[in-house]
Amino acid sequence: MFGKKEKKEWRHGVYLCTAKNSFEADLLESKLRSEDIPCEKRYQGASNFLEIAMGASSAFSIDIYVPEEALEDAKNIIVAVPLEDWDI
């Protein structure tokens, strides 16, 4: 998830991760913004057009960028926690 594009700058931020579709990107953006971390989505291919025309994009991935000073906090916020580790 934090692969090859780490520390690559785009506009006013650095690469955080790549979302598989617009739903995942919106989910990540919502979580980051709820923790007061601004983020930007960079659409690949025609995904921006598809999201406008069809309401969602699942054909192309979307890169998420955050300010460099918030990169470590953002990584800690979006890290996945396996459900089997929970005591339910």
C-alpha atoms as a PDB file:
ATOM      1  CA  MET A   1       0.000   0.000   0.000  1.00  0.00           C
ATOM      2  CA  PHE A   2       2.894   2.399   0.737  1.00  0.00           C
ATOM      3  CA  GLY A   3       4.896   1.145  -2.251  1.00  0.00           C
ATOM      4  CA  LYS A   4       7.062   2.629  -4.893  1.00  0.00           C
ATOM      5  CA  LYS A   5       5.941   6.282  -4.922  1.00  0.00           C
ATOM      6  CA  GLU A   6       6.851   7.183  -1.345  1.00  0.00           C
ATOM      7  CA  LYS A   7       8.094  10.768  -0.894  1.00  0.00           C
ATOM      8  CA  LYS A   8       7.178  11.716  -4.463  1.00  0.00           C
ATOM      9  CA  GLU A   9       5.829  15.266  -4.436  1.00  0.00           C
ATOM     10  CA  TRP A  10       2.656  16.414  -6.157  1.00  0.00           C
ATOM     11  CA  ARG A  11       1.297  19.897  -5.666  1.00  0.00           C
ATOM     12  CA  HIS A  12       1.519  20.564  -1.918  1.00  0.00           C
ATOM     13  CA  GLY A  13       1.977  17.037  -0.653  1.00  0.00           C
ATOM     14  CA  VAL A  14       3.855  13.750  -0.783  1.00  0.00           C
ATOM     15  CA  TYR A  15       2.584  10.326  -1.840  1.00  0.00           C
ATOM     16  CA  LEU A  16       0.763   8.333   0.850  1.00  0.00           C
ATOM     17  CA  CYS A  17      -0.924   5.400  -0.901  1.00  0.00           C
ATOM     18  CA  THR A  18      -2.975   4.269  -3.895  1.00  0.00           C
ATOM     19  CA  ALA A  19      -6.691   3.546  -3.618  1.00  0.00           C
ATOM     20  CA  LYS A  20      -8.144   0.879  -5.923  1.00  0.00           C
ATOM     21  CA  ASN A  21     -11.317   2.835  -6.701  1.00  0.00           C
ATOM     22  CA  SER A  22     -13.193   6.033  -5.870  1.00  0.00           C
ATOM     23  CA  PHE A  23     -15.030   4.435  -2.924  1.00  0.00           C
ATOM     24  CA  GLU A  24     -11.755   3.463  -1.254  1.00  0.00           C
ATOM     25  CA  ALA A  25     -10.262   6.904  -2.015  1.00  0.00           C
ATOM     26  CA  ASP A  26     -13.288   8.656  -0.504  1.00  0.00           C
ATOM     27  CA  LEU A  27     -13.072   6.437   2.573  1.00  0.00           C
ATOM     28  CA  LEU A  28      -9.381   7.215   3.076  1.00  0.00           C
ATOM     29  CA  GLU A  29      -9.959  10.926   2.462  1.00  0.00           C
ATOM     30  CA  SER A  30     -12.792  10.990   5.001  1.00  0.00           C
ATOM     31  CA  LYS A  31     -10.695   9.247   7.652  1.00  0.00           C
ATOM     32  CA  LEU A  32      -7.702  11.544   7.110  1.00  0.00           C
ATOM     33  CA  ARG A  33      -9.809  14.706   7.171  1.00  0.00           C
ATOM     34  CA  SER A  34     -11.580  13.554  10.353  1.00  0.00           C
ATOM     35  CA  GLU A  35      -8.121  13.483  11.957  1.00  0.00           C
ATOM     36  CA  ASP A  36      -7.376  17.025  10.628  1.00  0.00           C
ATOM     37  CA  ILE A  37      -4.945  15.822   7.959  1.00  0.00           C
ATOM     38  CA  PRO A  38      -5.555  17.502   4.593  1.00  0.00           C
ATOM     39  CA  CYS A  39      -5.199  15.307   1.527  1.00  0.00           C
ATOM     40  CA  GLU A  40      -5.439  15.466  -2.239  1.00  0.00           C
ATOM     41  CA  LYS A  41      -6.532  12.804  -4.705  1.00  0.00           C
ATOM     42  CA  ARG A  42      -4.607  12.417  -7.953  1.00  0.00           C
ATOM     43  CA  TYR A  43      -6.636  10.585 -10.551  1.00  0.00           C
ATOM     44  CA  GLN A  44      -4.918   8.211 -12.973  1.00  0.00           C
ATOM     45  CA  GLY A  45      -6.080   7.748 -16.537  1.00  0.00           C
ATOM     46  CA  ALA A  46      -9.717   8.614 -17.122  1.00  0.00           C
ATOM     47  CA  SER A  47     -10.824   7.956 -13.538  1.00  0.00           C
ATOM     48  CA  ASN A  48     -11.671  11.619 -12.884  1.00  0.00           C
ATOM     49  CA  PHE A  49     -13.932  11.705 -15.957  1.00  0.00           C
ATOM     50  CA  LEU A  50     -15.535   8.380 -14.996  1.00  0.00           C
ATOM     51  CA  GLU A  51     -16.262   9.646 -11.499  1.00  0.00           C
ATOM     52  CA  ILE A  52     -17.950  12.755 -12.897  1.00  0.00           C
ATOM     53  CA  ALA A  53     -19.857  10.927 -15.646  1.00  0.00           C
ATOM     54  CA  MET A  54     -20.846   7.763 -13.770  1.00  0.00           C
ATOM     55  CA  GLY A  55     -20.593   8.741 -10.108  1.00  0.00           C
ATOM     56  CA  ALA A  56     -17.777   6.313  -9.352  1.00  0.00           C
ATOM     57  CA  SER A  57     -14.525   5.063 -10.791  1.00  0.00           C
ATOM     58  CA  SER A  58     -13.312   1.496 -10.497  1.00  0.00           C
ATOM     59  CA  ALA A  59     -11.349   1.278 -13.752  1.00  0.00           C
ATOM     60  CA  PHE A  60      -8.293   3.249 -12.594  1.00  0.00           C
ATOM     61  CA  SER A  61      -6.592   3.718  -9.251  1.00  0.00           C
ATOM     62  CA  ILE A  62      -6.334   7.028  -7.366  1.00  0.00           C
ATOM     63  CA  ASP A  63      -3.188   8.246  -5.571  1.00  0.00           C
ATOM     64  CA  ILE A  64      -3.579   9.986  -2.198  1.00  0.00           C
ATOM     65  CA  TYR A  65      -1.170  12.790  -1.208  1.00  0.00           C
ATOM     66  CA  VAL A  66      -0.746  14.483   2.197  1.00  0.00           C
ATOM     67  CA  PRO A  67       1.507  17.276   3.501  1.00  0.00           C
ATOM     68  CA  GLU A  68       5.037  16.004   4.163  1.00  0.00           C
ATOM     69  CA  GLU A  69       4.898  16.938   7.859  1.00  0.00           C
ATOM     70  CA  ALA A  70       1.752  14.792   8.283  1.00  0.00           C
ATOM     71  CA  LEU A  71       2.995  11.724   6.382  1.00  0.00           C
ATOM     72  CA  GLU A  72       3.867   9.535   9.400  1.00  0.00           C
ATOM     73  CA  ASP A  73       0.614  10.384  11.195  1.00  0.00           C
ATOM     74  CA  ALA A  74      -1.367   9.622   8.045  1.00  0.00           C
ATOM     75  CA  LYS A  75       0.337   6.225   7.656  1.00  0.00           C
ATOM     76  CA  ASN A  76      -0.507   5.356  11.251  1.00  0.00           C
ATOM     77  CA  ILE A  77      -4.143   6.396  10.784  1.00  0.00           C
ATOM     78  CA  ILE A  78      -4.850   4.308   7.688  1.00  0.00           C
ATOM     79  CA  VAL A  79      -2.937   1.154   8.615  1.00  0.00           C
ATOM     80  CA  ALA A  80      -5.220  -1.891   8.511  1.00  0.00           C
ATOM     81  CA  VAL A  81      -5.897  -3.801  11.726  1.00  0.00           C
ATOM     82  CA  PRO A  82      -6.713  -7.509  11.211  1.00  0.00           C
ATOM     83  CA  LEU A  83     -10.108  -8.424  12.656  1.00  0.00           C
ATOM     84  CA  GLU A  84      -8.821 -11.673  14.156  1.00  0.00           C
ATOM     85  CA  ASP A  85      -6.700  -9.589  16.554  1.00  0.00           C
ATOM     86  CA  TRP A  86      -9.793  -8.053  18.136  1.00  0.00           C
ATOM     87  CA  ASP A  87     -11.330  -9.557  21.267  1.00  0.00           C
ATOM     88  CA  ILE A  88     -14.978  -9.638  20.238  1.00  0.00           C
END
